[in-house]
Amino acid sequence: MGDSSGKTQELPRVLTLRDATMLVVSSVIGVGIFLTPGDVAKQFPSVGWFFFAWLLGGALALGGALANAELGAMFPKAGGNYVYLTAAYHPMAGFMVGWLSFFGIFAGTVATLAIGFTISLSSLVPLAPVAKIGVAIAVIWIASAVNAWATRAGAALNTSTAYLKIAALVLLVVLGPIVGRERAAPDAFVSEGSASFASFGVGLAPVLFSYLGWNASVYVAGEIESPGKNLPRSLFVGLGVCTTIYVLVTATYVGALGMRALPGMPVVGIQAGHVLFGTSGGPILAIVMMASIFGTVNANVLVGPRIAYAMATDGLFFRAAASLNAAKTPHVAVIVQGVVATILVVAFEANIESLGGVLNYTTFAIVLATIADTTALYVLRRREPERERPYRAKGYPVVPFFYIVANVAIAISMVRGKPVECLTSVAVLLAGAPIYLLFTRRRA
């Protein structure tokens, strides 16, 4: 259902503050905290630098959240950065970053998480490569079916899985060191080595990926009750919960395995489970991982289609993606994202044993998009100073500036370390330009 005026249709405001906050928590806490600490420790083998990297990831996410809280409260509608960049620069800029967000970030994240689910499952049940691909695709479409049916159903599933994963990780942090005290590594927090600038961006990539989702609620701003008040709260409370859990969980990992053994270790969560809870610990952590990952898949399946929906209602995407079902849910947009995520799983099948290329491809796309988002804050402050702002970003203009500088430095380091994956993200971004022109010609 397109809108001839070019304005995005209103979606029903069915999401509460709790729903929006748990959407952030569920989007952030997924596969990363279980699988990536070994990769982070490989680049940051010093215990001090290791924990600094996780705290820096949370600080960077907070810097972005401050800017997105203002932008989201200003534009309480579906679409997130597509809407902001269209208002700040030009519809083409909004479309290109929206295109990158939909195809590079959300569809890529869903594919990555689905692969992460198969890695967890294969630690319990041996799976052939073809079976792993089949499981990953099944996870994508189960979540897609729920969210295509009704937004409330997807939100209810998301909130329940978020509470479960928080409870499971709190139990890991509280009970693990007590039960596994005798099996824990001696001198666990003693480490050797340091970090170099050349590897800084590569080392932060898995950290940034683990924090991906901190801005989840801005994409569903059109469906949040009282968005001017509840949207900023959902970002800050959700991110605070996630950062606290990440620091405590990684400290539990180090206490169990030892900092010197952590660099390069695969599936750290399961390895720590073996140490902390004995022979049953690995399977228990694998089940926790799968539940957590599925919750995050569901959150991204709920959020991502709002970008395609917003572009379609403006006549800049396939018109069918703007259609709503009886529950007022953009079901076609959900299906489109499911198809794209499935294609990515198949395309990255060579990395089905690890997060590999798809993680770096997705993370670099995140860095590009968040830099663009934050520059939009400066443009709109200058161009529309009188516009109503239910929330004004704290620390402006200094904090957003340092956020942009930090992300540019990370992007440069990633390009040097992982050029193929980064160039793939850039290619997806640039592909948006001719596609935008095709849609504008069609609309005209």
Protein backbone atom coordinates (compact mmCIF):
# COMPACT_ATOMS: atom_id res chain seq x y z
CA MET A 1 0.00 0.00 0.00
CA GLY A 2 1.96 2.98 -1.21
CA ASP A 3 1.19 6.55 -0.26
CA SER A 4 0.91 8.98 -3.10
CA SER A 5 1.97 11.83 -0.85
CA GLY A 6 5.30 10.13 -0.29
CA LYS A 7 4.83 10.01 3.48
CA THR A 8 5.39 6.90 5.54
CA GLN A 9 2.16 5.31 6.78
CA GLU A 10 1.49 5.21 10.48
CA LEU A 11 1.87 1.81 12.11
CA PRO A 12 -0.09 1.05 15.30
CA ARG A 13 1.78 1.97 18.51
CA VAL A 14 1.69 -1.41 20.20
CA LEU A 15 5.16 -1.54 21.80
CA THR A 16 5.58 -0.52 25.46
CA LEU A 17 8.74 0.82 27.12
CA ARG A 18 9.44 -2.70 28.36
CA ASP A 19 9.03 -4.12 24.84
CA ALA A 20 11.37 -1.49 23.37
CA THR A 21 14.00 -1.96 26.11
CA MET A 22 13.95 -5.74 25.81
CA LEU A 23 14.19 -5.33 22.03
CA VAL A 24 17.53 -3.57 22.58
CA VAL A 25 18.69 -6.20 25.09
CA SER A 26 17.67 -9.10 22.89
CA SER A 27 19.19 -7.49 19.79
CA VAL A 28 22.55 -6.94 21.51
CA ILE A 29 23.02 -10.10 23.60
CA GLY A 30 23.13 -12.86 21.03
CA VAL A 31 25.98 -14.93 19.67
CA GLY A 32 28.85 -12.48 20.16
CA ILE A 33 29.41 -12.80 23.89
CA PHE A 34 29.68 -16.60 23.56
CA LEU A 35 31.85 -16.87 20.44
CA THR A 36 33.95 -13.73 19.99
CA PRO A 37 35.95 -13.22 23.25
CA GLY A 38 38.69 -15.51 21.93
CA ASP A 39 39.04 -13.37 18.79
CA VAL A 40 39.10 -10.21 20.91
CA ALA A 41 41.79 -11.67 23.20
CA LYS A 42 43.87 -12.62 20.15
CA GLN A 43 44.24 -8.93 19.29
CA PHE A 44 44.21 -7.75 22.93
CA PRO A 45 46.14 -10.44 24.89
CA SER A 46 46.68 -8.12 27.86
CA VAL A 47 43.94 -8.43 30.47
CA GLY A 48 43.78 -4.65 30.76
CA TRP A 49 43.41 -4.08 27.02
CA PHE A 50 40.92 -6.95 26.79
CA PHE A 51 38.51 -5.40 29.26
CA PHE A 52 39.18 -1.94 27.86
CA ALA A 53 37.99 -3.20 24.47
CA TRP A 54 34.64 -4.37 25.92
CA LEU A 55 34.17 -1.14 27.86
CA LEU A 56 35.13 0.90 24.78
CA GLY A 57 32.53 -1.00 22.76
CA GLY A 58 29.88 -0.02 25.30
CA ALA A 59 31.11 3.60 25.35
CA LEU A 60 31.00 3.80 21.54
CA ALA A 61 27.51 2.36 21.53
CA LEU A 62 26.49 4.95 24.14
CA GLY A 63 27.92 7.75 21.98
CA GLY A 64 25.84 6.52 19.07
CA ALA A 65 22.79 6.02 21.30
CA LEU A 66 22.91 9.66 22.47
CA ALA A 67 22.70 10.86 18.87
CA ASN A 68 20.11 8.29 17.83
CA ALA A 69 17.93 9.08 20.86
CA GLU A 70 17.56 12.67 19.66
CA LEU A 71 17.02 11.66 16.03
CA GLY A 72 14.56 8.91 16.89
CA ALA A 73 12.50 11.16 19.16
CA MET A 74 12.46 13.82 16.41
CA PHE A 75 11.26 11.35 13.79
CA PRO A 76 9.09 8.79 15.62
CA LYS A 77 8.36 6.66 12.57
CA ALA A 78 9.53 3.41 11.00
CA GLY A 79 12.84 3.34 9.14
CA GLY A 80 15.56 4.63 11.47
CA ASN A 81 18.59 6.02 9.64
CA TYR A 82 16.78 6.00 6.29
CA VAL A 83 14.45 8.67 7.70
CA TYR A 84 17.20 10.77 9.36
CA LEU A 85 19.51 10.90 6.35
CA THR A 86 16.66 11.68 3.99
CA ALA A 87 15.76 14.67 6.18
CA ALA A 88 19.37 15.79 6.71
CA TYR A 89 20.79 15.35 3.21
CA HIS A 90 18.76 13.96 0.32
CA PRO A 91 16.45 11.00 -0.34
CA MET A 92 19.31 9.31 -2.22
CA ALA A 93 21.54 9.47 0.87
CA GLY A 94 18.73 8.07 3.00
CA PHE A 95 18.07 5.32 0.49
CA MET A 96 21.71 4.29 0.13
CA VAL A 97 22.26 3.97 3.88
CA GLY A 98 18.82 2.40 4.31
CA TRP A 99 19.70 -0.05 1.56
CA LEU A 100 23.02 -0.84 3.28
CA SER A 101 21.28 -1.21 6.66
CA PHE A 102 18.65 -3.56 5.30
CA PHE A 103 20.89 -5.72 3.11
CA GLY A 104 24.23 -5.31 4.89
CA ILE A 105 23.41 -4.97 8.57
CA PHE A 106 20.10 -6.59 9.43
CA ALA A 107 19.97 -9.32 6.80
CA GLY A 108 23.70 -9.92 7.38
CA THR A 109 23.19 -10.11 11.13
CA VAL A 110 20.31 -12.55 10.79
CA ALA A 111 22.49 -14.75 8.57
CA THR A 112 25.45 -14.52 10.99
CA LEU A 113 23.30 -15.39 13.98
CA ALA A 114 21.70 -18.31 12.18
CA ILE A 115 25.19 -19.66 11.44
CA GLY A 116 26.08 -19.10 15.10
CA PHE A 117 23.04 -21.18 16.08
CA THR A 118 24.32 -24.11 14.00
CA ILE A 119 27.77 -23.81 15.63
CA SER A 120 26.14 -24.15 19.06
CA LEU A 121 23.93 -27.04 17.96
CA SER A 122 26.85 -28.91 16.38
CA SER A 123 28.59 -28.95 19.77
CA LEU A 124 25.71 -31.17 20.95
CA VAL A 125 24.85 -33.09 17.79
CA PRO A 126 27.30 -33.78 14.93
CA LEU A 127 26.04 -32.04 11.78
CA ALA A 128 27.22 -32.29 8.19
CA PRO A 129 27.85 -28.95 6.42
CA VAL A 130 24.63 -29.31 4.40
CA ALA A 131 22.67 -29.98 7.58
CA LYS A 132 24.15 -26.87 9.20
CA ILE A 133 22.98 -24.74 6.28
CA GLY A 134 19.53 -26.33 6.56
CA VAL A 135 19.35 -25.59 10.30
CA ALA A 136 20.45 -21.98 9.78
CA ILE A 137 17.78 -21.45 7.12
CA ALA A 138 15.13 -23.07 9.34
CA VAL A 139 15.97 -20.68 12.21
CA ILE A 140 15.57 -17.69 9.87
CA TRP A 141 12.15 -18.80 8.66
CA ILE A 142 10.71 -19.78 12.04
CA ALA A 143 11.42 -16.27 13.32
CA SER A 144 10.17 -14.76 10.07
CA ALA A 145 6.89 -16.67 10.30
CA VAL A 146 6.18 -15.36 13.82
CA ASN A 147 6.97 -11.75 12.91
CA ALA A 148 5.12 -11.85 9.61
CA TRP A 149 2.04 -13.01 11.50
CA ALA A 150 1.85 -10.14 14.03
CA THR A 151 4.14 -7.53 15.58
CA ARG A 152 2.73 -8.20 19.03
CA ALA A 153 3.57 -11.91 18.66
CA GLY A 154 7.14 -11.10 17.67
CA ALA A 155 7.48 -8.59 20.54
CA ALA A 156 6.09 -11.06 23.10
CA LEU A 157 8.52 -13.76 21.93
CA ASN A 158 11.36 -11.24 22.06
CA THR A 159 10.58 -10.03 25.60
CA SER A 160 10.30 -13.55 26.99
CA THR A 161 13.58 -14.70 25.41
CA ALA A 162 15.33 -11.52 26.64
CA TYR A 163 14.31 -12.22 30.24
CA LEU A 164 15.46 -15.83 29.92
CA LYS A 165 18.90 -14.93 28.56
CA ILE A 166 19.44 -12.29 31.26
CA ALA A 167 18.53 -14.84 33.95
CA ALA A 168 20.81 -17.49 32.43
CA LEU A 169 23.81 -15.15 32.21
CA VAL A 170 23.28 -13.85 35.75
CA LEU A 171 23.30 -17.46 36.99
CA LEU A 172 26.50 -18.09 35.01
CA VAL A 173 28.20 -15.09 36.65
CA VAL A 174 26.93 -15.84 40.18
CA LEU A 175 27.06 -19.64 40.34
CA GLY A 176 29.90 -20.41 37.91
CA PRO A 177 32.82 -19.13 40.03
CA ILE A 178 31.38 -20.85 43.13
CA VAL A 179 30.73 -24.27 41.56
CA GLY A 180 33.88 -24.28 39.41
CA ARG A 181 36.31 -22.74 41.87
CA GLU A 182 38.53 -25.84 42.04
CA ARG A 183 38.63 -26.30 38.24
CA ALA A 184 39.35 -22.65 37.39
CA ALA A 185 42.70 -21.70 35.87
CA PRO A 186 45.41 -20.60 38.34
CA ASP A 187 46.59 -17.01 38.01
CA ALA A 188 43.69 -16.46 35.63
CA PHE A 189 44.08 -12.68 35.41
CA VAL A 190 47.84 -12.76 34.74
CA SER A 191 48.57 -11.98 31.08
CA GLU A 192 51.31 -11.16 28.61
CA GLY A 193 51.42 -8.98 25.53
CA SER A 194 49.71 -5.76 24.52
CA ALA A 195 47.79 -4.25 21.61
CA SER A 196 48.94 -2.43 18.49
CA PHE A 197 47.14 0.31 16.55
CA ALA A 198 47.38 -1.75 13.35
CA SER A 199 45.22 -4.47 14.85
CA PHE A 200 42.96 -2.21 16.91
CA GLY A 201 40.09 -2.05 14.43
CA VAL A 202 40.28 -5.78 13.67
CA GLY A 203 40.21 -6.51 17.40
CA LEU A 204 37.26 -4.19 17.98
CA ALA A 205 35.26 -5.65 15.08
CA PRO A 206 33.96 -8.64 17.09
CA VAL A 207 33.29 -6.31 20.05
CA LEU A 208 31.28 -3.94 17.85
CA PHE A 209 29.45 -6.91 16.38
CA SER A 210 28.63 -8.09 19.91
CA TYR A 211 27.09 -4.67 20.66
CA LEU A 212 25.16 -4.59 17.39
CA GLY A 213 21.51 -3.86 18.13
CA TRP A 214 22.00 -1.00 20.60
CA ASN A 215 19.85 1.17 18.29
CA ALA A 216 17.17 -1.44 17.61
CA SER A 217 14.28 0.54 19.04
CA VAL A 218 14.79 3.55 16.73
CA TYR A 219 13.75 1.44 13.74
CA VAL A 220 10.38 0.69 15.35
CA ALA A 221 9.86 4.24 16.69
CA GLY A 222 6.58 4.38 14.77
CA GLU A 223 5.24 1.53 16.90
CA ILE A 224 6.43 2.65 20.38
CA GLU A 225 4.01 4.24 22.82
CA SER A 226 5.03 7.83 23.74
CA PRO A 227 8.23 7.63 21.65
CA GLY A 228 9.58 11.03 22.71
CA LYS A 229 9.95 9.71 26.25
CA ASN A 230 10.19 5.93 25.87
CA LEU A 231 12.57 5.67 22.92
CA PRO A 232 15.58 7.35 24.61
CA ARG A 233 14.90 5.41 27.81
CA SER A 234 14.84 2.11 25.93
CA LEU A 235 18.24 2.85 24.37
CA PHE A 236 19.99 3.88 27.58
CA VAL A 237 18.49 1.28 29.92
CA GLY A 238 18.93 -1.53 27.40
CA LEU A 239 22.53 -0.58 26.64
CA GLY A 240 23.35 -0.24 30.35
CA VAL A 241 22.06 -3.76 31.01
CA CYS A 242 24.04 -5.18 28.09
CA THR A 243 27.36 -3.48 28.95
CA THR A 244 27.13 -4.60 32.57
CA ILE A 245 26.40 -8.20 31.56
CA TYR A 246 29.21 -8.23 28.98
CA VAL A 247 31.85 -7.07 31.46
CA LEU A 248 30.70 -9.55 34.12
CA VAL A 249 30.44 -12.49 31.70
CA THR A 250 33.87 -11.87 30.12
CA ALA A 251 35.36 -11.59 33.62
CA THR A 252 33.78 -14.97 34.41
CA TYR A 253 35.34 -16.43 31.25
CA VAL A 254 38.78 -15.11 32.16
CA GLY A 255 38.43 -16.40 35.73
CA ALA A 256 37.55 -19.86 34.45
CA LEU A 257 39.93 -20.25 31.49
CA GLY A 258 42.77 -17.85 32.23
CA MET A 259 43.75 -14.85 30.12
CA ARG A 260 46.79 -16.61 28.65
CA ALA A 261 44.64 -19.45 27.24
CA LEU A 262 41.90 -17.22 25.87
CA PRO A 263 43.48 -15.78 22.66
CA GLY A 264 42.09 -17.55 19.59
CA MET A 265 39.94 -19.95 21.61
CA PRO A 266 36.76 -20.91 19.70
CA VAL A 267 33.32 -20.99 21.33
CA VAL A 268 34.58 -19.57 24.61
CA GLY A 269 31.16 -19.83 26.26
CA ILE A 270 31.05 -23.62 25.95
CA GLN A 271 34.71 -23.98 26.98
CA ALA A 272 34.03 -21.92 30.11
CA GLY A 273 30.92 -24.00 30.80
CA HIS A 274 33.03 -27.17 30.87
CA VAL A 275 35.35 -25.64 33.45
CA LEU A 276 32.70 -24.04 35.62
CA PHE A 277 30.07 -26.78 35.66
CA GLY A 278 31.96 -29.95 34.73
CA THR A 279 30.96 -32.37 32.00
CA SER A 280 27.38 -31.10 31.92
CA GLY A 281 28.51 -27.48 31.61
CA GLY A 282 29.23 -27.53 27.87
CA PRO A 283 25.79 -28.82 26.86
CA ILE A 284 24.11 -26.42 29.30
CA LEU A 285 25.95 -23.42 27.82
CA ALA A 286 25.25 -24.66 24.28
CA ILE A 287 21.51 -24.67 25.05
CA VAL A 288 21.76 -21.20 26.61
CA MET A 289 23.61 -20.02 23.50
CA MET A 290 20.99 -21.39 21.15
CA ALA A 291 18.14 -19.80 23.11
CA SER A 292 20.00 -16.48 23.23
CA ILE A 293 20.85 -16.57 19.54
CA PHE A 294 17.30 -17.42 18.50
CA GLY A 295 16.02 -14.49 20.58
CA THR A 296 18.41 -12.15 18.78
CA VAL A 297 17.45 -13.56 15.37
CA ASN A 298 13.83 -12.85 16.27
CA ALA A 299 14.67 -9.28 17.36
CA ASN A 300 16.48 -8.52 14.09
CA VAL A 301 13.69 -10.09 12.05
CA LEU A 302 11.27 -7.76 13.85
CA VAL A 303 13.39 -4.62 13.36
CA GLY A 304 15.02 -4.86 9.92
CA PRO A 305 11.90 -5.03 7.74
CA ARG A 306 10.82 -1.57 8.96
CA ILE A 307 13.53 -0.09 6.74
CA ALA A 308 12.20 -1.79 3.62
CA TYR A 309 8.67 -0.85 4.67
CA ALA A 310 9.57 2.84 5.09
CA MET A 311 11.36 2.97 1.73
CA ALA A 312 8.47 1.21 0.00
CA THR A 313 5.88 3.64 1.37
CA ASP A 314 8.00 6.45 -0.11
CA GLY A 315 8.01 4.69 -3.47
CA LEU A 316 11.70 3.76 -3.21
CA PHE A 317 11.34 0.00 -2.87
CA PHE A 318 9.05 -2.69 -4.21
CA ARG A 319 5.50 -1.49 -3.51
CA ALA A 320 4.47 -4.82 -2.03
CA ALA A 321 6.93 -4.31 0.85
CA ALA A 322 4.65 -1.51 2.14
CA SER A 323 1.61 -3.78 2.42
CA LEU A 324 0.17 -4.67 5.82
CA ASN A 325 -1.73 -7.77 6.85
CA ALA A 326 -4.81 -7.91 9.05
CA ALA A 327 -2.64 -7.44 12.18
CA LYS A 328 -1.13 -4.25 10.65
CA THR A 329 2.25 -5.97 10.25
CA PRO A 330 4.55 -5.39 7.22
CA HIS A 331 4.58 -9.10 6.45
CA VAL A 332 5.95 -8.82 2.90
CA ALA A 333 8.96 -6.82 4.13
CA VAL A 334 9.61 -9.56 6.70
CA ILE A 335 9.55 -12.18 3.97
CA VAL A 336 11.91 -10.14 1.76
CA GLN A 337 14.46 -9.93 4.59
CA GLY A 338 14.14 -13.67 5.17
CA VAL A 339 14.95 -14.34 1.52
CA VAL A 340 18.01 -12.05 1.61
CA ALA A 341 19.31 -13.62 4.85
CA THR A 342 18.88 -17.08 3.34
CA ILE A 343 20.90 -16.07 0.27
CA LEU A 344 23.68 -14.75 2.55
CA VAL A 345 23.81 -18.01 4.52
CA VAL A 346 24.29 -19.92 1.28
CA ALA A 347 26.78 -17.35 -0.08
CA PHE A 348 28.93 -17.59 3.07
CA GLU A 349 28.68 -21.37 3.37
CA ALA A 350 32.49 -21.60 3.27
CA ASN A 351 32.46 -19.92 6.71
CA ILE A 352 29.74 -22.16 8.16
CA GLU A 353 32.25 -23.41 10.77
CA SER A 354 32.79 -19.88 12.12
CA LEU A 355 31.41 -16.36 11.92
CA GLY A 356 34.26 -15.60 9.48
CA GLY A 357 33.68 -13.20 6.64
CA VAL A 358 30.03 -12.42 7.30
CA LEU A 359 30.92 -10.90 10.72
CA ASN A 360 33.44 -8.45 9.26
CA TYR A 361 31.15 -7.67 6.30
CA THR A 362 28.32 -6.82 8.70
CA THR A 363 30.47 -4.92 11.21
CA PHE A 364 31.99 -2.65 8.58
CA ALA A 365 28.51 -1.86 7.29
CA ILE A 366 27.52 -0.91 10.87
CA VAL A 367 30.49 1.44 11.17
CA LEU A 368 29.63 3.21 7.89
CA ALA A 369 25.95 3.57 8.79
CA THR A 370 26.52 4.87 12.31
CA ILE A 371 29.03 7.48 11.08
CA ALA A 372 26.41 8.71 8.62
CA ASP A 373 23.70 8.76 11.33
CA THR A 374 25.78 10.90 13.64
CA THR A 375 26.70 13.45 10.98
CA ALA A 376 22.96 13.87 10.35
CA LEU A 377 22.57 15.10 13.94
CA TYR A 378 24.91 18.05 13.22
CA VAL A 379 23.16 18.91 9.95
CA LEU A 380 19.68 18.88 11.48
CA ARG A 381 20.78 20.93 14.53
CA ARG A 382 21.97 23.65 12.14
CA ARG A 383 19.26 23.37 9.49
CA GLU A 384 16.23 22.93 11.74
CA PRO A 385 17.10 24.51 15.11
CA GLU A 386 13.45 25.24 15.94
CA ARG A 387 12.21 21.71 15.30
CA GLU A 388 10.68 20.03 18.34
CA ARG A 389 13.20 17.76 20.07
CA PRO A 390 11.66 15.70 22.90
CA TYR A 391 15.21 14.62 23.76
CA ARG A 392 18.46 16.52 23.14
CA ALA A 393 21.72 14.55 22.93
CA LYS A 394 23.87 14.97 26.02
CA GLY A 395 27.47 16.01 25.34
CA TYR A 396 26.69 17.61 21.98
CA PRO A 397 28.77 18.59 20.00
CA VAL A 398 31.84 16.99 21.64
CA VAL A 399 30.62 13.42 22.26
CA PRO A 400 29.21 12.85 18.74
CA PHE A 401 32.45 14.26 17.28
CA PHE A 402 34.62 11.79 19.18
CA TYR A 403 32.19 9.01 18.24
CA ILE A 404 32.67 9.81 14.55
CA VAL A 405 36.48 10.06 14.89
CA ALA A 406 36.66 6.71 16.74
CA ASN A 407 34.56 4.96 14.12
CA VAL A 408 36.59 6.42 11.24
CA ALA A 409 39.77 5.09 12.90
CA ILE A 410 38.15 1.67 13.32
CA ALA A 411 37.03 1.70 9.68
CA ILE A 412 40.57 2.47 8.46
CA SER A 413 42.03 -0.31 10.58
CA MET A 414 39.39 -2.78 9.34
CA VAL A 415 40.04 -1.93 5.70
CA ARG A 416 43.72 -2.68 6.23
CA GLY A 417 43.05 -5.94 8.04
CA LYS A 418 39.98 -7.29 6.20
CA PRO A 419 39.85 -5.53 2.80
CA VAL A 420 37.64 -8.05 0.97
CA GLU A 421 34.83 -8.01 3.52
CA CYS A 422 34.99 -4.21 3.85
CA LEU A 423 34.93 -3.66 0.10
CA THR A 424 31.91 -5.96 -0.12
CA SER A 425 30.04 -3.65 2.27
CA VAL A 426 31.11 -0.61 0.24
CA ALA A 427 29.92 -2.32 -2.94
CA VAL A 428 26.49 -2.94 -1.38
CA LEU A 429 26.33 0.74 -0.33
CA LEU A 430 27.27 2.01 -3.80
CA ALA A 431 24.85 -0.39 -5.47
CA GLY A 432 22.11 1.61 -3.79
CA ALA A 433 22.73 4.64 -6.05
CA PRO A 434 21.66 3.16 -9.42
CA ILE A 435 18.84 1.24 -7.73
CA TYR A 436 17.60 4.52 -6.20
CA LEU A 437 17.56 6.07 -9.68
CA LEU A 438 15.57 3.14 -11.03
CA PHE A 439 12.95 3.49 -8.31
CA THR A 440 12.68 7.26 -8.71
CA ARG A 441 12.16 6.87 -12.46
CA ARG A 442 9.51 4.26 -11.79
CA ARG A 443 7.80 6.52 -9.23
CA ALA A 444 7.88 9.48 -11.67
